Amino acid sequence: MIDIEDLHTQALHQNSETYKDPATGFTVFTELAHLKRGRCCGSICRHCPYGWENVKQKGENLDGKSKVASGDKEGIKQLLSSYSSRASNTSHKMEEKGFNEENCLTKGKGGRHGGKHTKKNVPYTREGDNGTSALMTGERRSKDDDAFEAMGTVDELCSIVGVVHAELSSIVPEAELNGEIDNNTMYGNLPDMLLDIMSRLFDVGSHIANPQKHDESDDSDDSDDDDDDDNSDDPISRRKKVFKVDGVGGGFNSKHVEILEEWVDILTEPMPNLNSFILPTGGKISAQLHVSRCVCRRAERRVIPLVQDGIVDPNASHYLNRLSDFFFTAARWANFCEGLEEIQYRRFVKGADQRDRFTVKLKGSTDIKNDGI
């Protein structure tokens, strides 16, 4: 059986910030990584050199012995220097045995170790070639796991929003050049809103990638008492676990949901009131925002099972739910700003058997034109 301390020592000799636990497959940070951080993070890390000084409640197995104190720059510098010296000595020994920069087996390893033609970080590690990927906790799962499906869809949504933002960034300068607008306020604050949304989607993805672990002793949620619940037929109310914000699973701030609601109100106010369905048409920006809305709904569907399992903050799904409403409103807003028409789909005459299409001018007129079917 491989000794953990031997693995850790070997990693330090190689000047590596991580190694893989053979029992769990998790990625473990070495003392070197913690020293570079410069402080105790409070997460009860296995090789914490600070004696877990920022851990709120120290367990019986945490003796609190530290090699260096957080913020002790001189002590940290000395330890880093000693690890660097070890790595240098190991490198010299490898060269003596015939391993050099040209034929070293670790060259081109990927990730933070660099590639064959660069020492800089590269995006490939080859560790996912077997169909698995690692969460931020270090746990490896199949790439078709619910968590990766949710993260992938959120990432897809973020990229689509990036396309909309890029389109806005190209349209505004062209409109300014042609004298169509005097400044970059053609779409109001929509570009800045989209930048914030992409940032929040990164937060959602990071939150999903860092799932909260449950104590097996808490698996008694589904007790017989739940049978008398009036909402027992509601799949949401019957979720297995209840998410609890902690230092591991984190959480998603509900204030971002409230911000979206404010933005929806602000964009809605100057536009004509809407009491019918609309077709996802108009300008290119509007059409892309409708695509964003649809992908956002799919992202929400992917996140819901994780919320029901209690490993994702419900606020994350609330945000995605509200975000789809924002994209719908923003699509109308883009057409409004461009002075384009909106195609509504409704019964123009009460009691009619068939809905019809009606073109409505969003700006400058309230005329309605029947396009027929």
Protein backbone atom coordinates (compact mmCIF):
# COMPACT_ATOMS: atom_id res chain seq x y z
CA MET A 1 0.00 0.00 0.00
CA ILE A 2 1.33 3.44 -0.97
CA ASP A 3 2.03 5.73 1.97
CA ILE A 4 0.43 9.17 1.69
CA GLU A 5 3.42 10.91 3.28
CA ASP A 6 5.75 9.27 0.77
CA LEU A 7 3.56 10.57 -2.05
CA HIS A 8 3.60 14.02 -0.48
CA THR A 9 7.37 14.00 -0.05
CA GLN A 10 7.84 12.85 -3.63
CA ALA A 11 5.57 15.66 -4.85
CA LEU A 12 7.60 18.21 -2.88
CA HIS A 13 10.83 16.86 -4.37
CA GLN A 14 9.30 17.46 -7.80
CA ASN A 15 8.24 20.98 -6.77
CA SER A 16 4.62 19.98 -7.44
CA GLU A 17 1.63 21.68 -5.85
CA THR A 18 -0.63 18.58 -6.04
CA TYR A 19 -0.66 14.81 -6.09
CA LYS A 20 -3.41 12.25 -6.59
CA ASP A 21 -4.71 10.21 -3.66
CA PRO A 22 -4.59 6.56 -4.87
CA ALA A 23 -7.48 5.53 -2.62
CA THR A 24 -10.01 8.15 -3.73
CA GLY A 25 -8.60 9.57 -6.96
CA PHE A 26 -8.94 13.06 -5.43
CA THR A 27 -6.37 15.76 -6.13
CA VAL A 28 -4.59 16.80 -2.92
CA PHE A 29 -2.74 20.08 -2.39
CA THR A 30 0.82 19.83 -1.08
CA GLU A 31 2.40 22.09 1.54
CA LEU A 32 3.98 23.96 -1.34
CA ALA A 33 0.57 25.02 -2.69
CA HIS A 34 -0.56 26.20 0.76
CA LEU A 35 2.66 28.13 1.32
CA LYS A 36 2.23 29.93 -1.99
CA ARG A 37 -1.26 30.91 -0.85
CA GLY A 38 0.33 32.41 2.27
CA ARG A 39 -2.45 31.66 4.74
CA CYS A 40 -4.65 28.91 6.18
CA CYS A 41 -7.83 28.66 4.11
CA GLY A 42 -9.84 27.03 6.92
CA SER A 43 -10.81 23.97 4.87
CA ILE A 44 -8.95 21.40 7.02
CA CYS A 45 -6.51 20.58 4.22
CA ARG A 46 -4.48 17.40 4.69
CA HIS A 47 -1.04 19.05 4.47
CA CYS A 48 -1.82 22.44 6.00
CA PRO A 49 1.49 23.93 7.22
CA TYR A 50 -0.33 26.48 9.40
CA GLY A 51 -1.78 24.07 11.96
CA TRP A 52 -5.33 24.70 10.73
CA GLU A 53 -5.31 28.03 12.54
CA ASN A 54 -8.33 29.35 10.59
CA VAL A 55 -10.45 26.22 11.05
CA LYS A 56 -13.50 27.24 13.08
CA GLN A 57 -13.90 23.98 14.97
CA LYS A 58 -10.82 21.82 15.22
CA GLY A 59 -11.53 18.12 15.41
CA GLU A 60 -9.80 15.57 17.61
CA ASN A 61 -7.45 14.57 14.78
CA LEU A 62 -6.18 18.13 14.29
CA ASP A 63 -3.27 18.64 16.67
CA GLY A 64 -2.70 22.22 15.55
CA LYS A 65 1.05 21.81 15.06
CA SER A 66 2.26 24.34 12.51
CA LYS A 67 5.44 24.72 10.50
CA VAL A 68 4.79 28.38 9.83
CA ALA A 69 2.19 30.96 10.76
CA SER A 70 -0.13 32.58 8.23
CA GLY A 71 1.31 35.88 7.14
CA ASP A 72 4.82 35.01 8.34
CA LYS A 73 6.46 36.05 5.08
CA GLU A 74 9.99 35.25 6.24
CA GLY A 75 9.09 31.78 7.49
CA ILE A 76 7.09 31.02 4.36
CA LYS A 77 9.96 32.24 2.18
CA GLN A 78 12.39 29.91 3.96
CA LEU A 79 10.15 26.88 3.53
CA LEU A 80 9.57 27.67 -0.14
CA SER A 81 13.31 28.01 -0.59
CA SER A 82 13.93 24.62 1.04
CA TYR A 83 11.38 22.91 -1.22
CA SER A 84 12.89 24.61 -4.26
CA SER A 85 16.32 23.34 -3.19
CA ARG A 86 15.00 19.79 -2.84
CA ALA A 87 13.50 19.97 -6.32
CA SER A 88 16.77 21.29 -7.73
CA ASN A 89 18.77 18.47 -6.12
CA THR A 90 16.31 15.91 -7.46
CA SER A 91 16.66 17.39 -10.92
CA HIS A 92 20.47 17.16 -10.78
CA LYS A 93 20.26 13.51 -9.70
CA MET A 94 17.93 12.77 -12.62
CA GLU A 95 20.38 14.40 -15.03
CA GLU A 96 23.20 12.26 -13.63
CA LYS A 97 21.11 9.20 -14.42
CA GLY A 98 20.60 10.33 -18.01
CA PHE A 99 17.34 12.26 -17.67
CA ASN A 100 17.58 15.79 -19.04
CA GLU A 101 15.30 18.42 -20.46
CA GLU A 102 15.26 16.70 -23.84
CA ASN A 103 14.24 13.22 -22.70
CA CYS A 104 12.67 13.75 -19.26
CA LEU A 105 9.56 11.60 -18.99
CA THR A 106 7.60 14.39 -17.28
CA LYS A 107 8.10 16.84 -20.14
CA GLY A 108 4.90 17.63 -21.98
CA LYS A 109 2.78 16.30 -19.14
CA GLY A 110 0.20 19.01 -19.71
CA GLY A 111 -1.76 21.37 -17.46
CA ARG A 112 0.36 23.51 -15.16
CA HIS A 113 3.41 21.40 -16.07
CA GLY A 114 3.39 22.78 -19.60
CA GLY A 115 3.52 21.03 -22.94
CA LYS A 116 6.24 19.68 -25.22
CA HIS A 117 6.85 23.08 -26.78
CA THR A 118 6.04 25.44 -23.90
CA LYS A 119 6.54 25.63 -20.17
CA LYS A 120 3.38 27.72 -19.75
CA ASN A 121 0.05 26.28 -18.61
CA VAL A 122 -1.76 24.36 -21.34
CA PRO A 123 -5.44 23.30 -21.31
CA TYR A 124 -4.82 19.59 -21.91
CA THR A 125 -3.90 17.11 -19.17
CA ARG A 126 -4.92 13.82 -20.88
CA GLU A 127 -6.60 12.79 -17.63
CA GLY A 128 -10.03 13.00 -19.25
CA ASP A 129 -9.23 10.59 -22.06
CA ASN A 130 -10.86 7.78 -20.11
CA GLY A 131 -14.24 9.56 -20.08
CA THR A 132 -13.95 11.05 -16.60
CA SER A 133 -13.35 14.56 -15.30
CA ALA A 134 -12.59 16.08 -11.91
CA LEU A 135 -14.75 18.36 -9.82
CA MET A 136 -13.18 21.19 -7.83
CA THR A 137 -13.19 18.86 -4.83
CA GLY A 138 -10.79 16.55 -6.70
CA GLU A 139 -13.40 13.82 -7.09
CA ARG A 140 -13.45 12.23 -10.54
CA ARG A 141 -16.75 11.33 -12.15
CA SER A 142 -17.99 10.17 -15.53
CA LYS A 143 -18.36 13.05 -17.96
CA ASP A 144 -22.05 12.26 -18.40
CA ASP A 145 -22.67 12.76 -14.66
CA ASP A 146 -25.52 15.14 -13.76
CA ALA A 147 -23.05 17.67 -12.38
CA PHE A 148 -21.05 17.87 -15.61
CA GLU A 149 -24.22 17.95 -17.68
CA ALA A 150 -25.37 20.97 -15.65
CA MET A 151 -21.96 22.67 -15.78
CA GLY A 152 -21.70 22.08 -19.52
CA THR A 153 -25.10 23.59 -20.20
CA VAL A 154 -24.35 26.63 -18.04
CA ASP A 155 -21.05 27.01 -19.91
CA GLU A 156 -22.88 26.73 -23.24
CA LEU A 157 -25.27 29.46 -22.12
CA CYS A 158 -22.38 31.69 -21.04
CA SER A 159 -20.76 31.30 -24.47
CA ILE A 160 -23.99 32.20 -26.26
CA VAL A 161 -24.31 35.33 -24.11
CA GLY A 162 -20.72 36.08 -25.12
CA VAL A 163 -21.78 35.91 -28.77
CA VAL A 164 -24.57 38.43 -28.11
CA HIS A 165 -22.15 40.74 -26.32
CA ALA A 166 -19.66 40.47 -29.18
CA GLU A 167 -22.41 41.32 -31.65
CA LEU A 168 -23.37 44.36 -29.60
CA SER A 169 -19.73 45.42 -29.46
CA SER A 170 -19.49 45.31 -33.26
CA ILE A 171 -22.83 47.00 -33.98
CA VAL A 172 -22.40 50.05 -31.75
CA PRO A 173 -19.11 51.32 -33.26
CA GLU A 174 -20.50 50.82 -36.77
CA ALA A 175 -23.65 52.75 -35.89
CA GLU A 176 -21.54 55.54 -34.41
CA LEU A 177 -19.42 55.67 -37.57
CA ASN A 178 -22.51 55.95 -39.77
CA GLY A 179 -23.89 58.72 -37.59
CA GLU A 180 -26.89 56.63 -36.56
CA ILE A 181 -26.20 57.22 -32.85
CA ASP A 182 -24.20 59.83 -30.99
CA ASN A 183 -22.74 57.52 -28.34
CA ASN A 184 -22.69 53.94 -27.19
CA THR A 185 -26.05 54.13 -25.43
CA MET A 186 -28.02 52.64 -28.32
CA TYR A 187 -28.91 49.61 -26.21
CA GLY A 188 -28.67 51.33 -22.84
CA ASN A 189 -26.81 49.28 -20.25
CA LEU A 190 -27.50 45.96 -21.98
CA PRO A 191 -23.81 45.25 -22.80
CA ASP A 192 -22.79 45.78 -19.16
CA MET A 193 -25.71 43.65 -18.00
CA LEU A 194 -24.54 40.80 -20.23
CA LEU A 195 -21.00 41.05 -18.84
CA ASP A 196 -22.36 40.76 -15.31
CA ILE A 197 -24.54 37.81 -16.34
CA MET A 198 -21.55 35.96 -17.80
CA SER A 199 -19.70 36.52 -14.52
CA ARG A 200 -22.64 35.17 -12.52
CA LEU A 201 -22.87 32.12 -14.81
CA PHE A 202 -19.21 31.44 -14.02
CA ASP A 203 -20.20 31.60 -10.34
CA VAL A 204 -23.02 29.11 -10.92
CA GLY A 205 -20.68 26.74 -12.76
CA SER A 206 -18.07 26.98 -9.99
CA HIS A 207 -20.75 26.34 -7.38
CA ILE A 208 -21.93 23.20 -9.20
CA ALA A 209 -18.32 22.03 -9.57
CA ASN A 210 -17.80 22.26 -5.81
CA PRO A 211 -20.66 20.05 -4.53
CA GLN A 212 -21.52 19.93 -0.88
CA LYS A 213 -20.83 16.63 0.84
CA HIS A 214 -23.47 15.18 3.16
CA ASP A 215 -22.91 13.43 6.42
CA GLU A 216 -24.26 9.89 6.10
CA SER A 217 -25.92 10.38 9.47
CA ASP A 218 -28.18 13.01 7.85
CA ASP A 219 -29.74 10.50 5.46
CA SER A 220 -32.88 10.36 7.57
CA ASP A 221 -34.59 13.23 5.72
CA ASP A 222 -37.07 10.88 4.05
CA SER A 223 -38.81 9.87 7.25
CA ASP A 224 -42.34 8.57 7.71
CA ASP A 225 -43.35 12.02 8.93
CA ASP A 226 -43.10 13.26 5.34
CA ASP A 227 -46.03 11.04 4.34
CA ASP A 228 -48.42 13.46 6.03
CA ASP A 229 -47.06 16.48 4.13
CA ASP A 230 -49.77 18.22 2.12
CA ASN A 231 -47.19 18.85 -0.62
CA SER A 232 -45.97 15.27 -0.83
CA ASP A 233 -47.01 15.09 -4.50
CA ASP A 234 -44.78 18.05 -5.34
CA PRO A 235 -41.42 16.71 -6.64
CA ILE A 236 -39.60 19.81 -5.40
CA SER A 237 -41.00 19.49 -1.87
CA ARG A 238 -39.93 15.83 -1.82
CA ARG A 239 -36.26 16.54 -2.59
CA LYS A 240 -33.87 14.19 -0.83
CA LYS A 241 -31.74 16.80 0.89
CA VAL A 242 -31.85 20.44 1.91
CA PHE A 243 -28.90 22.56 0.87
CA LYS A 244 -27.03 24.22 3.72
CA VAL A 245 -24.51 26.96 3.02
CA ASP A 246 -21.08 26.06 4.39
CA GLY A 247 -17.42 26.57 3.62
CA VAL A 248 -17.30 23.69 1.17
CA GLY A 249 -20.42 23.80 -0.97
CA GLY A 250 -20.52 27.58 -0.70
CA GLY A 251 -23.75 29.10 -1.93
CA PHE A 252 -25.21 31.52 -4.46
CA ASN A 253 -26.26 34.97 -3.26
CA SER A 254 -29.97 35.68 -3.74
CA LYS A 255 -29.22 39.37 -4.36
CA HIS A 256 -28.31 38.49 -7.95
CA VAL A 257 -31.88 37.23 -8.48
CA GLU A 258 -33.22 40.55 -7.21
CA ILE A 259 -30.89 42.45 -9.55
CA LEU A 260 -32.29 40.57 -12.54
CA GLU A 261 -35.82 41.47 -11.51
CA GLU A 262 -34.82 45.14 -11.32
CA TRP A 263 -33.29 44.97 -14.78
CA VAL A 264 -36.44 43.35 -16.20
CA ASP A 265 -38.53 46.17 -14.72
CA ILE A 266 -36.21 48.86 -16.11
CA LEU A 267 -36.21 47.42 -19.64
CA THR A 268 -39.96 46.77 -19.63
CA GLU A 269 -41.08 50.25 -18.56
CA PRO A 270 -40.50 52.17 -21.85
CA MET A 271 -41.89 49.41 -24.08
CA PRO A 272 -45.54 48.76 -25.05
CA ASN A 273 -47.39 46.43 -22.72
CA LEU A 274 -47.40 42.80 -23.83
CA ASN A 275 -50.46 40.57 -23.42
CA SER A 276 -49.76 37.88 -26.00
CA PHE A 277 -47.20 35.46 -27.33
CA ILE A 278 -44.48 36.80 -29.60
CA LEU A 279 -42.48 35.06 -32.29
CA PRO A 280 -38.70 35.00 -31.69
CA THR A 281 -38.04 37.35 -34.59
CA GLY A 282 -36.64 40.80 -35.23
CA GLY A 283 -32.98 41.79 -35.40
CA LYS A 284 -29.99 39.52 -34.99
CA ILE A 285 -29.47 40.59 -31.36
CA SER A 286 -33.07 39.81 -30.46
CA ALA A 287 -32.98 36.39 -32.13
CA GLN A 288 -29.76 35.45 -30.30
CA LEU A 289 -31.24 36.55 -26.99
CA HIS A 290 -34.19 34.23 -27.63
CA VAL A 291 -31.70 31.39 -28.20
CA SER A 292 -30.10 32.37 -24.89
CA ARG A 293 -33.52 32.15 -23.25
CA CYS A 294 -34.08 28.60 -24.53
CA VAL A 295 -30.63 27.35 -23.47
CA CYS A 296 -31.16 29.04 -20.10
CA ARG A 297 -34.33 27.00 -19.60
CA ARG A 298 -32.38 23.84 -20.39
CA ALA A 299 -29.65 24.83 -17.94
CA GLU A 300 -32.31 25.29 -15.28
CA ARG A 301 -33.70 21.81 -16.00
CA ARG A 302 -30.21 20.33 -15.61
CA VAL A 303 -29.63 22.09 -12.29
CA ILE A 304 -32.98 21.15 -10.71
CA PRO A 305 -31.98 17.48 -9.95
CA LEU A 306 -28.88 18.74 -8.13
CA VAL A 307 -31.03 21.13 -6.12
CA GLN A 308 -33.37 18.28 -5.25
CA ASP A 309 -30.38 16.27 -4.01
CA GLY A 310 -29.42 19.16 -1.76
CA ILE A 311 -25.95 19.65 -3.25
CA VAL A 312 -26.71 22.87 -5.13
CA ASP A 313 -28.12 26.06 -3.64
CA PRO A 314 -31.75 26.64 -4.77
CA ASN A 315 -30.74 30.26 -5.36
CA ALA A 316 -28.72 29.03 -8.36
CA SER A 317 -31.84 27.59 -10.02
CA HIS A 318 -33.81 30.68 -9.00
CA TYR A 319 -31.23 32.78 -10.83
CA LEU A 320 -31.49 30.69 -14.00
CA ASN A 321 -35.28 30.87 -13.82
CA ARG A 322 -35.22 34.64 -13.58
CA LEU A 323 -32.46 34.89 -16.16
CA SER A 324 -34.66 33.32 -18.84
CA ASP A 325 -37.24 36.04 -18.11
CA PHE A 326 -34.50 38.63 -18.49
CA PHE A 327 -33.45 37.24 -21.89
CA PHE A 328 -37.07 37.37 -23.08
CA THR A 329 -37.34 41.00 -22.01
CA ALA A 330 -33.90 41.85 -23.40
CA ALA A 331 -34.91 40.37 -26.78
CA ARG A 332 -37.88 42.73 -26.92
CA TRP A 333 -35.65 45.58 -25.73
CA ALA A 334 -33.16 45.01 -28.56
CA ASN A 335 -35.93 45.27 -31.14
CA PHE A 336 -37.27 48.33 -29.34
CA CYS A 337 -33.87 50.05 -29.43
CA GLU A 338 -33.45 49.26 -33.13
CA GLY A 339 -36.94 50.55 -33.95
CA LEU A 340 -38.01 47.16 -35.27
CA GLU A 341 -41.43 45.59 -35.27
CA GLU A 342 -42.59 42.80 -32.99
CA ILE A 343 -44.64 39.91 -34.33
CA GLN A 344 -47.30 38.89 -31.85
CA TYR A 345 -49.30 35.69 -32.08
CA ARG A 346 -52.76 35.94 -30.55
CA ARG A 347 -56.50 35.93 -31.12
CA PHE A 348 -57.24 39.39 -32.47
CA VAL A 349 -60.98 38.76 -32.11
CA LYS A 350 -62.16 37.24 -28.85
CA GLY A 351 -63.46 33.72 -29.36
CA ALA A 352 -61.68 33.19 -32.69
CA ASP A 353 -60.76 29.59 -33.49
CA GLN A 354 -57.26 30.37 -34.68
CA ARG A 355 -54.52 32.69 -33.43
CA ASP A 356 -53.13 35.10 -36.01
CA ARG A 357 -49.88 36.96 -36.45
CA PHE A 358 -49.91 40.69 -35.83
CA THR A 359 -47.03 43.07 -36.42
CA VAL A 360 -46.67 45.71 -33.73
CA LYS A 361 -44.38 48.71 -33.92
CA LEU A 362 -42.48 48.95 -30.67
CA LYS A 363 -41.40 52.52 -31.14
CA GLY A 364 -43.13 55.64 -32.44
CA SER A 365 -46.50 54.04 -33.08
CA THR A 366 -49.02 51.64 -31.61
CA ASP A 367 -50.42 50.58 -35.02
CA ILE A 368 -51.20 46.89 -35.36
CA LYS A 369 -51.13 45.16 -38.73
CA ASN A 370 -52.73 41.72 -39.35
CA ASP A 371 -50.32 39.53 -41.30
CA GLY A 372 -52.72 36.61 -41.57
CA ILE A 373 -51.64 32.98 -41.55
